[in-house]
Protein backbone atom coordinates (compact mmCIF):
# COMPACT_ATOMS: atom_id res chain seq x y z
CA MET A 1 57.41 143.06 86.90
CA LEU A 2 56.26 139.91 88.65
CA ALA A 3 58.30 136.78 88.03
CA THR A 4 55.21 134.61 87.70
CA PRO A 5 52.63 136.17 85.42
CA PRO A 6 48.90 135.74 86.02
CA ASP A 7 46.86 133.44 83.79
CA PHE A 8 45.56 136.46 81.88
CA ASP A 9 46.19 140.17 81.80
CA VAL A 10 42.45 140.89 81.86
CA LEU A 11 39.53 138.79 83.03
CA ILE A 12 36.21 139.97 81.62
CA VAL A 13 33.08 138.89 83.46
CA GLY A 14 30.03 138.49 81.24
CA ALA A 15 29.59 137.92 77.50
CA GLY A 16 26.80 140.42 76.95
CA ILE A 17 27.08 143.83 75.32
CA SER A 18 29.59 145.11 77.88
CA GLY A 19 31.88 142.07 77.84
CA ILE A 20 31.88 141.53 74.08
CA GLY A 21 32.46 145.25 73.63
CA MET A 22 35.48 145.24 75.93
CA ALA A 23 36.96 142.22 74.16
CA ALA A 24 36.52 143.90 70.77
CA HIS A 25 38.16 147.10 72.01
CA MET A 26 41.07 145.08 73.39
CA GLU A 27 41.52 143.28 70.07
CA MET A 28 41.77 146.67 68.35
CA LYS A 29 43.47 148.90 70.94
CA ALA A 30 45.32 146.67 73.43
CA PRO A 31 46.28 143.65 71.30
CA HIS A 32 49.38 142.82 73.33
CA HIS A 33 47.30 142.02 76.41
CA SER A 34 45.82 138.58 76.94
CA TYR A 35 42.22 138.19 78.07
CA THR A 36 39.46 135.70 78.67
CA ILE A 37 35.72 136.07 79.22
CA VAL A 38 33.84 134.00 81.77
CA GLU A 39 30.12 133.67 81.13
CA ARG A 40 27.68 131.83 83.40
CA ARG A 41 25.28 131.02 80.56
CA GLU A 42 25.89 128.75 77.58
CA GLN A 43 25.46 131.50 74.99
CA ILE A 44 26.61 135.06 74.55
CA GLY A 45 24.15 137.93 74.76
CA GLY A 46 23.53 138.51 78.47
CA THR A 47 20.17 140.25 78.80
CA TRP A 48 19.30 139.44 75.19
CA ASP A 49 19.83 135.73 75.77
CA LEU A 50 18.10 135.67 79.18
CA PHE A 51 14.84 137.39 78.24
CA ARG A 52 12.61 135.38 75.92
CA TYR A 53 9.22 137.00 76.45
CA PRO A 54 7.04 137.90 73.45
CA GLY A 55 8.27 140.91 71.52
CA ILE A 56 11.57 141.29 73.41
CA ARG A 57 13.27 144.30 71.80
CA SER A 58 15.49 147.27 72.46
CA ASP A 59 14.00 150.44 73.87
CA SER A 60 16.91 152.41 72.44
CA ASP A 61 17.79 152.83 68.78
CA MET A 62 20.45 150.42 67.56
CA HIS A 63 22.58 153.22 66.14
CA THR A 64 23.43 154.07 69.76
CA LEU A 65 22.81 150.67 71.37
CA GLY A 66 25.15 149.29 68.74
CA PHE A 67 28.91 149.68 69.19
CA ASP A 68 30.83 152.65 67.83
CA PHE A 69 33.06 150.30 65.83
CA GLU A 70 30.40 148.03 64.27
CA PRO A 71 27.66 149.52 62.07
CA TRP A 72 24.07 148.40 62.58
CA LYS A 73 22.97 147.12 59.19
CA HIS A 74 19.34 146.14 59.71
CA GLU A 75 16.55 148.25 58.26
CA LYS A 76 14.85 148.56 61.66
CA SER A 77 16.65 150.73 64.18
CA ILE A 78 14.38 149.47 66.98
CA ALA A 79 15.48 145.86 66.95
CA ASP A 80 14.08 142.66 68.41
CA GLY A 81 16.07 140.36 70.67
CA PRO A 82 17.04 137.81 67.99
CA ALA A 83 18.43 140.56 65.73
CA ILE A 84 20.53 141.93 68.59
CA LEU A 85 21.85 138.43 69.34
CA ASP A 86 22.78 138.00 65.67
CA TYR A 87 24.69 141.29 65.85
CA LEU A 88 26.64 140.22 68.95
CA ASN A 89 27.33 136.71 67.61
CA ARG A 90 28.64 138.10 64.34
CA ILE A 91 31.03 140.40 66.20
CA ALA A 92 32.23 137.53 68.42
CA ASP A 93 32.87 135.28 65.42
CA GLU A 94 34.34 137.78 62.97
CA ARG A 95 36.74 139.25 65.54
CA GLY A 96 37.92 135.97 67.04
CA ILE A 97 36.36 136.68 70.43
CA ARG A 98 34.37 133.47 70.86
CA GLU A 99 37.50 131.37 71.32
CA HIS A 100 38.31 133.48 74.41
CA ILE A 101 35.00 132.72 76.16
CA ARG A 102 34.59 130.12 78.89
CA PHE A 103 30.89 129.30 79.01
CA GLY A 104 28.99 127.82 81.94
CA GLN A 105 31.21 129.43 84.58
CA LYS A 106 29.72 131.67 87.21
CA VAL A 107 32.10 133.94 89.12
CA ILE A 108 31.67 133.36 92.85
CA SER A 109 34.44 135.47 94.34
CA ALA A 110 37.33 137.72 93.36
CA ASP A 111 40.13 138.61 95.78
CA PHE A 112 42.79 141.11 94.79
CA ARG A 113 46.28 140.42 96.19
CA PRO A 114 48.15 143.76 96.08
CA ASP A 115 51.53 142.13 96.70
CA GLU A 116 51.00 140.01 93.58
CA ALA A 117 49.06 142.63 91.58
CA ARG A 118 46.53 140.04 90.57
CA TRP A 119 42.98 138.96 91.12
CA HIS A 120 42.33 135.43 92.37
CA VAL A 121 38.94 134.62 90.87
CA THR A 122 36.87 131.56 91.76
CA THR A 123 34.35 130.31 89.21
CA GLU A 124 31.75 127.57 89.56
CA THR A 125 30.17 125.34 86.93
CA ASP A 126 26.59 124.07 87.00
CA ASP A 127 27.71 120.76 88.51
CA GLY A 128 29.34 122.56 91.43
CA GLN A 129 32.97 122.27 90.35
CA ARG A 130 35.10 125.26 91.22
CA HIS A 131 38.06 126.65 89.33
CA LEU A 132 40.64 129.32 90.09
CA VAL A 133 41.89 131.80 87.52
CA THR A 134 44.21 134.75 88.06
CA ALA A 135 44.33 138.05 86.22
CA ASN A 136 46.03 141.40 86.62
CA PHE A 137 42.90 143.37 85.78
CA LEU A 138 39.20 142.60 86.32
CA TYR A 139 36.55 144.06 84.00
CA LEU A 140 32.96 143.58 85.13
CA GLY A 141 30.48 143.45 82.28
CA SER A 142 27.91 141.67 84.41
CA GLY A 143 25.07 144.17 83.99
CA TYR A 144 23.05 145.93 86.63
CA TYR A 145 20.32 143.56 87.76
CA ASP A 146 19.92 140.23 89.52
CA TYR A 147 19.62 137.37 87.02
CA ASP A 148 18.36 134.96 89.68
CA ASP A 149 15.87 136.98 91.71
CA PRO A 150 13.71 139.64 90.06
CA TYR A 151 11.77 142.07 92.20
CA ASP A 152 9.02 140.37 94.18
CA ALA A 153 6.11 142.74 94.70
CA GLY A 154 4.71 140.44 97.41
CA PHE A 155 1.48 139.46 95.65
CA ASP A 156 -0.54 136.50 96.93
CA PHE A 157 -1.58 134.30 94.02
CA SER A 158 -2.80 131.37 96.11
CA GLU A 159 -6.42 131.78 94.98
CA PHE A 160 -5.69 132.46 91.32
CA GLU A 161 -6.47 129.46 89.10
CA GLY A 162 -4.44 130.47 86.04
CA ASP A 163 -0.75 130.78 85.22
CA VAL A 164 1.54 133.37 86.81
CA ILE A 165 4.66 134.26 84.80
CA HIS A 166 7.51 136.67 85.42
CA PRO A 167 9.01 137.93 82.13
CA GLN A 168 12.50 137.10 83.37
CA PHE A 169 11.57 133.40 83.39
CA TRP A 170 9.36 133.01 80.33
CA PRO A 171 8.43 129.36 79.61
CA GLU A 172 9.68 127.99 76.31
CA ASN A 173 7.00 127.64 73.62
CA TYR A 174 4.31 128.95 75.96
CA ASP A 175 0.88 129.01 74.25
CA TYR A 176 -1.41 131.87 75.20
CA THR A 177 -3.74 131.64 72.20
CA GLY A 178 -7.27 132.73 73.08
CA LYS A 179 -6.37 133.52 76.71
CA LYS A 180 -7.27 136.59 78.73
CA VAL A 181 -4.04 138.16 79.96
CA VAL A 182 -3.35 140.79 82.60
CA VAL A 183 0.12 142.31 82.57
CA VAL A 184 0.91 143.97 85.90
CA GLY A 185 3.27 146.89 85.35
CA SER A 186 3.77 149.87 83.09
CA GLY A 187 7.47 149.90 82.29
CA ALA A 188 9.31 148.99 79.09
CA THR A 189 8.72 145.26 79.54
CA ALA A 190 4.96 145.63 79.93
CA VAL A 191 4.74 148.09 77.04
CA THR A 192 6.56 145.54 74.86
CA ILE A 193 4.59 142.48 75.94
CA VAL A 194 1.06 143.88 75.63
CA PRO A 195 0.98 144.54 71.86
CA SER A 196 3.09 141.46 71.14
CA MET A 197 0.64 139.12 72.89
CA ALA A 198 -2.47 140.89 71.61
CA ASP A 199 -2.34 139.20 68.22
CA LYS A 200 -3.00 135.71 69.66
CA ALA A 201 -4.55 136.36 73.08
CA ALA A 202 -8.27 136.95 73.51
CA HIS A 203 -7.45 140.23 75.24
CA VAL A 204 -4.48 141.77 77.01
CA THR A 205 -4.86 144.31 79.82
CA MET A 206 -1.95 146.37 81.09
CA LEU A 207 -2.70 147.05 84.74
CA GLN A 208 -0.70 149.96 86.09
CA ARG A 209 -0.59 151.51 89.51
CA THR A 210 0.92 154.67 88.03
CA PRO A 211 1.03 155.77 84.37
CA THR A 212 4.31 156.05 82.47
CA TRP A 213 5.32 158.70 79.97
CA MET A 214 5.38 157.15 76.52
CA PHE A 215 6.63 158.34 73.18
CA SER A 216 6.07 156.93 69.73
CA ARG A 217 8.56 156.74 66.91
CA PRO A 218 8.93 154.64 63.76
CA ALA A 219 10.87 151.40 64.15
CA LYS A 220 12.72 152.32 60.95
CA ASP A 221 14.97 155.37 60.82
CA LYS A 222 14.31 156.86 57.36
CA ILE A 223 17.35 159.11 57.50
CA ALA A 224 19.63 156.22 58.47
CA ASN A 225 18.31 153.99 55.70
CA PHE A 226 18.65 156.80 53.15
CA LEU A 227 22.24 157.53 54.18
CA ARG A 228 23.13 153.84 53.87
CA LYS A 229 22.05 153.95 50.22
CA ILE A 230 24.26 156.88 49.27
CA LEU A 231 27.24 156.65 51.63
CA PRO A 232 29.71 153.98 52.75
CA GLU A 233 28.30 151.87 55.59
CA LYS A 234 30.61 153.19 58.30
CA VAL A 235 30.13 156.82 57.30
CA ALA A 236 26.35 156.50 57.24
CA TYR A 237 26.41 154.78 60.64
CA ALA A 238 28.65 157.43 62.18
CA ILE A 239 26.40 160.25 60.97
CA THR A 240 23.24 158.52 62.22
CA ARG A 241 24.87 157.73 65.54
CA PHE A 242 25.95 161.37 65.97
CA LYS A 243 22.44 162.56 65.07
CA ASN A 244 20.75 160.21 67.53
CA ILE A 245 23.16 160.98 70.37
CA LYS A 246 22.48 164.69 69.92
CA MET A 247 18.73 164.04 69.81
CA GLN A 248 18.86 161.97 73.00
CA ASP A 249 20.84 164.65 74.77
CA PHE A 250 18.55 167.45 73.54
CA SER A 251 15.38 165.56 74.49
CA PHE A 252 16.61 164.77 78.00
CA LYS A 253 17.73 168.34 78.70
CA MET A 254 14.51 169.73 77.25
CA ALA A 255 12.49 167.45 79.57
CA ARG A 256 14.46 168.66 82.58
CA ASN A 257 14.35 172.34 81.62
CA LYS A 258 10.90 172.64 80.06
CA PRO A 259 8.85 169.69 81.34
CA GLU A 260 5.45 171.20 80.53
CA LYS A 261 6.40 171.68 76.89
CA VAL A 262 7.62 168.09 76.67
CA LYS A 263 4.43 166.79 78.30
CA GLU A 264 2.41 168.68 75.74
CA GLY A 265 4.44 167.17 72.91
CA LEU A 266 4.11 163.61 74.23
CA HIS A 267 0.36 163.98 74.66
CA LYS A 268 0.02 165.48 71.20
CA ARG A 269 1.74 162.44 69.73
CA ILE A 270 -0.60 160.03 71.55
CA ARG A 271 -3.67 161.98 70.42
CA LYS A 272 -2.38 161.77 66.86
CA SER A 273 -2.57 157.99 67.23
CA MET A 274 -5.70 157.66 69.33
CA GLY A 275 -7.79 160.66 68.25
CA GLU A 276 -8.31 164.18 69.56
CA ASN A 277 -10.97 163.14 72.09
CA PHE A 278 -8.91 160.33 73.64
CA ASP A 279 -8.83 160.42 77.45
CA LEU A 280 -5.18 160.85 78.43
CA THR A 281 -5.65 160.01 82.12
CA ASP A 282 -3.94 156.62 81.78
CA PHE A 283 -0.99 158.29 80.02
CA THR A 284 -0.43 161.19 82.41
CA PRO A 285 2.01 160.29 85.20
CA PRO A 286 2.24 162.33 88.42
CA TYR A 287 5.92 163.08 87.66
CA ASN A 288 7.73 164.94 84.88
CA PRO A 289 9.17 163.25 81.78
CA TRP A 290 12.61 161.74 82.37
CA GLU A 291 12.18 161.57 86.12
CA GLN A 292 11.76 157.97 85.07
CA ARG A 293 12.76 156.49 81.72
CA LEU A 294 10.33 157.16 78.92
CA CYS A 295 8.76 154.08 77.35
CA LEU A 296 9.17 153.65 73.64
CA VAL A 297 6.17 152.67 71.51
CA PRO A 298 7.60 151.75 68.09
CA ASP A 299 5.23 152.16 65.15
CA ASP A 300 2.41 152.95 67.60
CA ASP A 301 2.06 149.20 68.27
CA LEU A 302 0.53 149.61 71.73
CA PHE A 303 -1.94 152.22 70.51
CA GLU A 304 -2.85 150.16 67.45
CA SER A 305 -3.65 147.13 69.63
CA MET A 306 -5.80 149.36 71.86
CA LYS A 307 -7.70 150.77 68.86
CA SER A 308 -8.35 147.24 67.60
CA GLY A 309 -9.93 146.32 70.94
CA LYS A 310 -7.35 143.59 71.57
CA ALA A 311 -5.62 145.48 74.39
CA SER A 312 -6.45 148.02 77.06
CA VAL A 313 -4.75 150.02 79.79
CA VAL A 314 -6.25 150.23 83.30
CA THR A 315 -4.94 152.39 86.13
CA GLY A 316 -5.79 151.14 89.59
CA HIS A 317 -4.63 149.55 92.82
CA ILE A 318 -4.76 145.81 93.36
CA ASP A 319 -6.93 144.56 96.20
CA LYS A 320 -6.30 140.85 95.70
CA PHE A 321 -5.93 138.08 93.17
CA GLU A 322 -9.04 135.93 92.96
CA ALA A 323 -9.68 132.62 91.20
CA LYS A 324 -10.67 134.27 87.93
CA GLY A 325 -8.52 137.38 87.89
CA VAL A 326 -7.53 140.58 89.64
CA ARG A 327 -9.84 142.47 92.00
CA LEU A 328 -9.07 146.16 92.15
CA LYS A 329 -9.70 148.36 95.17
CA SER A 330 -12.35 150.12 93.09
CA GLY A 331 -14.26 146.83 93.10
CA GLU A 332 -13.68 146.08 89.42
CA LEU A 333 -12.63 142.54 88.48
CA LEU A 334 -10.16 142.14 85.62
CA GLU A 335 -10.70 138.61 84.36
CA ALA A 336 -7.54 136.67 83.54
CA ASP A 337 -6.31 133.24 82.57
CA ILE A 338 -2.71 134.44 82.76
CA ILE A 339 -1.07 136.98 85.06
CA ILE A 340 2.28 138.42 83.95
CA THR A 341 4.20 140.19 86.70
CA ALA A 342 6.20 142.84 84.83
CA THR A 343 6.86 144.54 88.16
CA GLY A 344 10.53 145.26 87.72
CA LEU A 345 14.06 144.10 88.36
CA SER A 346 16.30 143.98 91.40
CA LEU A 347 19.60 145.82 91.18
CA ALA A 348 22.79 143.89 91.75
CA ILE A 349 26.29 145.30 92.16
CA ALA A 350 29.31 143.65 90.58
CA GLY A 351 27.27 140.66 89.48
CA LYS A 352 26.79 139.66 93.15
CA ILE A 353 30.45 138.56 93.20
CA ASP A 354 32.14 138.50 96.60
CA VAL A 355 34.83 141.08 95.87
CA SER A 356 37.66 141.58 98.33
CA VAL A 357 41.14 143.05 98.59
CA ALA A 358 43.68 140.96 100.52
CA GLY A 359 40.75 139.06 102.00
CA GLU A 360 38.95 142.22 103.17
CA PRO A 361 35.42 142.47 101.67
CA VAL A 362 34.83 145.47 99.40
CA GLN A 363 31.77 147.53 100.31
CA PHE A 364 30.90 149.25 97.06
CA ASN A 365 28.42 151.57 98.74
CA GLU A 366 31.33 153.10 100.65
CA ARG A 367 33.39 153.85 97.55
CA TYR A 368 33.05 156.60 94.95
CA TYR A 369 32.82 156.13 91.23
CA TYR A 370 35.90 157.31 89.37
CA LYS A 371 34.97 158.65 85.91
CA GLY A 372 31.95 156.32 85.90
CA CYS A 373 34.27 153.42 85.29
CA MET A 374 36.45 152.54 88.32
CA PHE A 375 36.14 152.98 92.10
CA SER A 376 38.03 154.97 94.70
CA ASN A 377 41.03 153.18 96.19
CA LEU A 378 40.17 149.92 94.44
CA PRO A 379 42.99 148.82 92.12
CA ASN A 380 42.72 147.15 88.74
CA LEU A 381 38.95 146.90 88.54
CA ALA A 382 36.54 148.48 86.09
CA VAL A 383 32.80 148.20 85.62
CA VAL A 384 30.05 149.20 83.21
CA PHE A 385 26.84 150.78 84.49
CA GLY A 386 25.10 152.28 81.49
CA TYR A 387 23.25 155.54 81.16
CA LEU A 388 19.70 155.94 82.40
CA ASN A 389 18.97 158.71 79.90
CA ALA A 390 20.69 157.16 76.88
CA SER A 391 21.77 153.82 75.45
CA TRP A 392 23.74 151.41 77.64
CA THR A 393 26.39 150.82 74.99
CA LEU A 394 27.44 154.45 74.89
CA ARG A 395 28.99 154.02 78.33
CA ALA A 396 30.28 150.54 77.53
CA ASP A 397 32.20 151.90 74.53
CA ILE A 398 33.89 154.82 76.29
CA ASN A 399 34.70 152.75 79.39
CA SER A 400 36.28 150.02 77.26
CA ASN A 401 38.30 152.55 75.34
CA PHE A 402 39.51 154.21 78.54
CA ILE A 403 40.55 150.93 80.17
CA CYS A 404 42.50 150.02 77.03
CA ARG A 405 44.33 153.33 77.46
CA VAL A 406 44.99 152.43 81.11
CA LEU A 407 46.31 148.98 80.16
CA ASN A 408 48.61 150.45 77.53
CA HIS A 409 49.91 153.04 79.98
CA MET A 410 50.67 150.29 82.50
CA ARG A 411 52.54 148.35 79.83
CA GLU A 412 54.54 151.41 78.73
CA THR A 413 55.51 152.37 82.29
CA GLY A 414 56.16 148.85 83.58
CA THR A 415 53.55 149.24 86.30
CA ASP A 416 51.00 146.67 87.34
CA LEU A 417 48.72 148.58 89.73
CA ALA A 418 46.27 151.27 88.61
CA THR A 419 44.41 152.80 91.54
CA PRO A 420 42.07 155.82 91.64
CA VAL A 421 43.31 157.36 94.88
CA LEU A 422 40.93 159.33 97.06
CA THR A 423 42.71 160.51 100.21
CA ASP A 424 40.87 161.20 103.46
CA ALA A 425 41.62 164.90 103.08
CA GLU A 426 40.12 165.01 99.59
CA ARG A 427 37.15 162.90 100.61
CA ALA A 428 36.31 165.40 103.35
CA LYS A 429 35.87 168.06 100.66
CA ILE A 430 33.51 165.98 98.53
CA VAL A 431 29.80 166.77 98.43
CA ASP A 432 27.69 163.69 97.81
CA ASP A 433 25.17 163.76 95.01
CA ASP A 434 21.99 161.80 94.48
CA LEU A 435 23.48 159.08 92.33
CA PHE A 436 20.26 158.65 90.37
CA ASP A 437 17.70 161.43 90.61
CA PHE A 438 15.21 159.05 89.00
CA SER A 439 12.07 157.99 90.81
CA SER A 440 11.89 154.55 89.17
CA GLY A 441 11.11 151.81 91.67
CA TYR A 442 14.12 149.62 90.90
CA ILE A 443 16.43 152.62 91.29
CA GLN A 444 14.95 153.68 94.61
CA ARG A 445 14.95 150.13 95.98
CA GLY A 446 18.60 149.61 95.09
CA LYS A 447 20.11 152.89 96.26
CA SER A 448 21.45 151.47 99.50
CA ILE A 449 23.81 149.09 97.69
CA MET A 450 24.98 151.55 95.04
CA PRO A 451 28.43 153.17 95.06
CA LYS A 452 28.69 156.83 95.99
CA SER A 453 28.71 159.69 93.54
CA ALA A 454 29.99 163.23 94.14
CA THR A 455 28.68 166.48 92.72
CA THR A 456 32.01 167.04 90.98
CA TYR A 457 33.93 165.07 88.38
CA PRO A 458 35.74 162.66 88.38
CA TRP A 459 34.22 161.11 91.52
CA ARG A 460 30.78 160.65 90.01
CA LEU A 461 28.69 158.58 87.65
CA ASN A 462 27.64 161.18 85.12
CA GLN A 463 24.49 161.12 83.01
CA ASP A 464 26.08 163.21 80.26
CA TYR A 465 27.58 161.07 77.51
CA ILE A 466 28.96 163.95 75.46
CA PHE A 467 30.95 165.26 78.44
CA ASP A 468 32.07 161.78 79.51
CA LYS A 469 33.25 160.83 76.03
CA LYS A 470 35.52 163.87 75.84
CA GLN A 471 36.97 163.22 79.29
CA LEU A 472 37.58 159.49 78.81
CA ARG A 473 38.93 159.73 75.28
CA GLU A 474 40.94 162.94 75.45
CA GLY A 475 41.73 163.45 79.14
CA ASP A 476 45.06 162.38 80.61
CA VAL A 477 45.15 158.80 81.86
CA ASP A 478 47.84 159.70 84.38
CA ASP A 479 45.84 162.55 85.90
CA GLY A 480 47.36 162.54 89.38
CA LEU A 481 44.35 160.71 90.81
CA LEU A 482 44.68 157.46 88.91
CA THR A 483 48.07 156.35 90.17
CA PHE A 484 50.33 153.75 88.58
CA THR A 485 52.65 151.72 90.80
CA ARG A 486 54.50 148.41 90.93
CA ALA A 487 53.69 145.58 93.28
CA GLY A 488 56.23 144.58 95.87
CA ALA A 489 57.66 145.70 99.16
CA ASN A 490 59.77 148.49 97.65
CA ALA A 491 56.94 150.11 95.74
CA MET A 492 55.32 153.22 97.15
CA ALA A 493 51.76 152.95 98.35
CA PRO A 494 49.33 154.83 96.09
CA ASP A 495 48.69 157.61 98.62
CA GLU A 496 52.43 158.03 99.20
CA GLN A 497 53.00 158.28 95.49
CA LEU A 498 50.28 160.88 95.20
CA GLU A 499 51.83 162.96 97.97
CA ALA A 500 55.25 162.68 96.36
CA ALA A 501 53.82 163.84 93.04
CA GLU A 502 52.31 166.87 94.74
């Protein structure tokens, strides 16, 4: 082992769901390894601390968006942002994680030195001061989108006389009482904002270029709440989590295999809310369910605000923004005092950190995912990119558990390099897959920067949690592809070790 140890065994980037989850898993499963978390913000929570727009909530149930080790105890399974922050803060405090967090430090660059088996990571504070920290292993829990620059749809608001707000930068204590609001977009953010603002605003219009498939469900899970009354908390949570994972998996596969049947079911649910004669044009996308994420409408809140006359949905193309609102290409003017641009996010890889190995920049779009958690020929680095068809935390949990297994194996074998080796010969056999066969705008826009994914495991980012969980929890860590070596001149290179093993 190296004579001079790094500052920490593991450096975790980000104190959101992914980072807090990894720290908790380490406390339980890799307690002999030291770690620290660097977080650019002044609070934990990541997405749930950044977004402050009205109604901010999960669009997944908290029995799967919650961690596998920490039961969700609230009555509502579709939780608002403050409740999710309370959950994360309680975990950080009860498990001693908060004392490991360095707030107000943004990671600028990370260079891996193979001869030292350590990452040299540069962080920067708000006042421009830079600090260097070293770690043997780097765990990126920095999310999937750009915190600084959301997607700019290129609208010209120069003539508009009202306020223009992007949900990612919601003004504190913003008063919209009695205002006419147009929300541009039809994704989860827009579907959340519209009913939440409708109670105070004069009227809220959701302006969509293309409809989105929506499904309604109660915010409270009756089965979960019943089980909590008759069973121990952890048992009730485990059963509910299992139920909801199976339901998510079934629903997704049903949508892919029998899309017309699923369309019929979604429309039937909307008509139950809006009436049998309701015109479904604005709720009938030109694509099949789960070719983009479905939008959740908890307790029919969007439909209730539409029935009350406080909200409406309009499908059309924008011609221009005028002084008093939005002119559509049809000629219709949607009057507005406030325009909210819920037009989407911009993807970001590795938290926009300048990642390099021995000074050579890492091009992630040239590397393959390894088990949805590491990257080909890139040592001692793991990442979380959650599921598109299920809750983010499902991936965060199994990735954290797997990396704890990797860390323990390194400790047991006296190795300090863990590298998923993809040789040129093996790479020539790989067939590339469409990493995300989703038509969502943010996915399509970001494909060019995304890592590669193969048609065959383990060189792919799967969208099948049940399969992934079995592989990452029960599969061999030392599988002949993930190689474990020691740093130093006498150690074999990973590809040489692989050949020797063969």
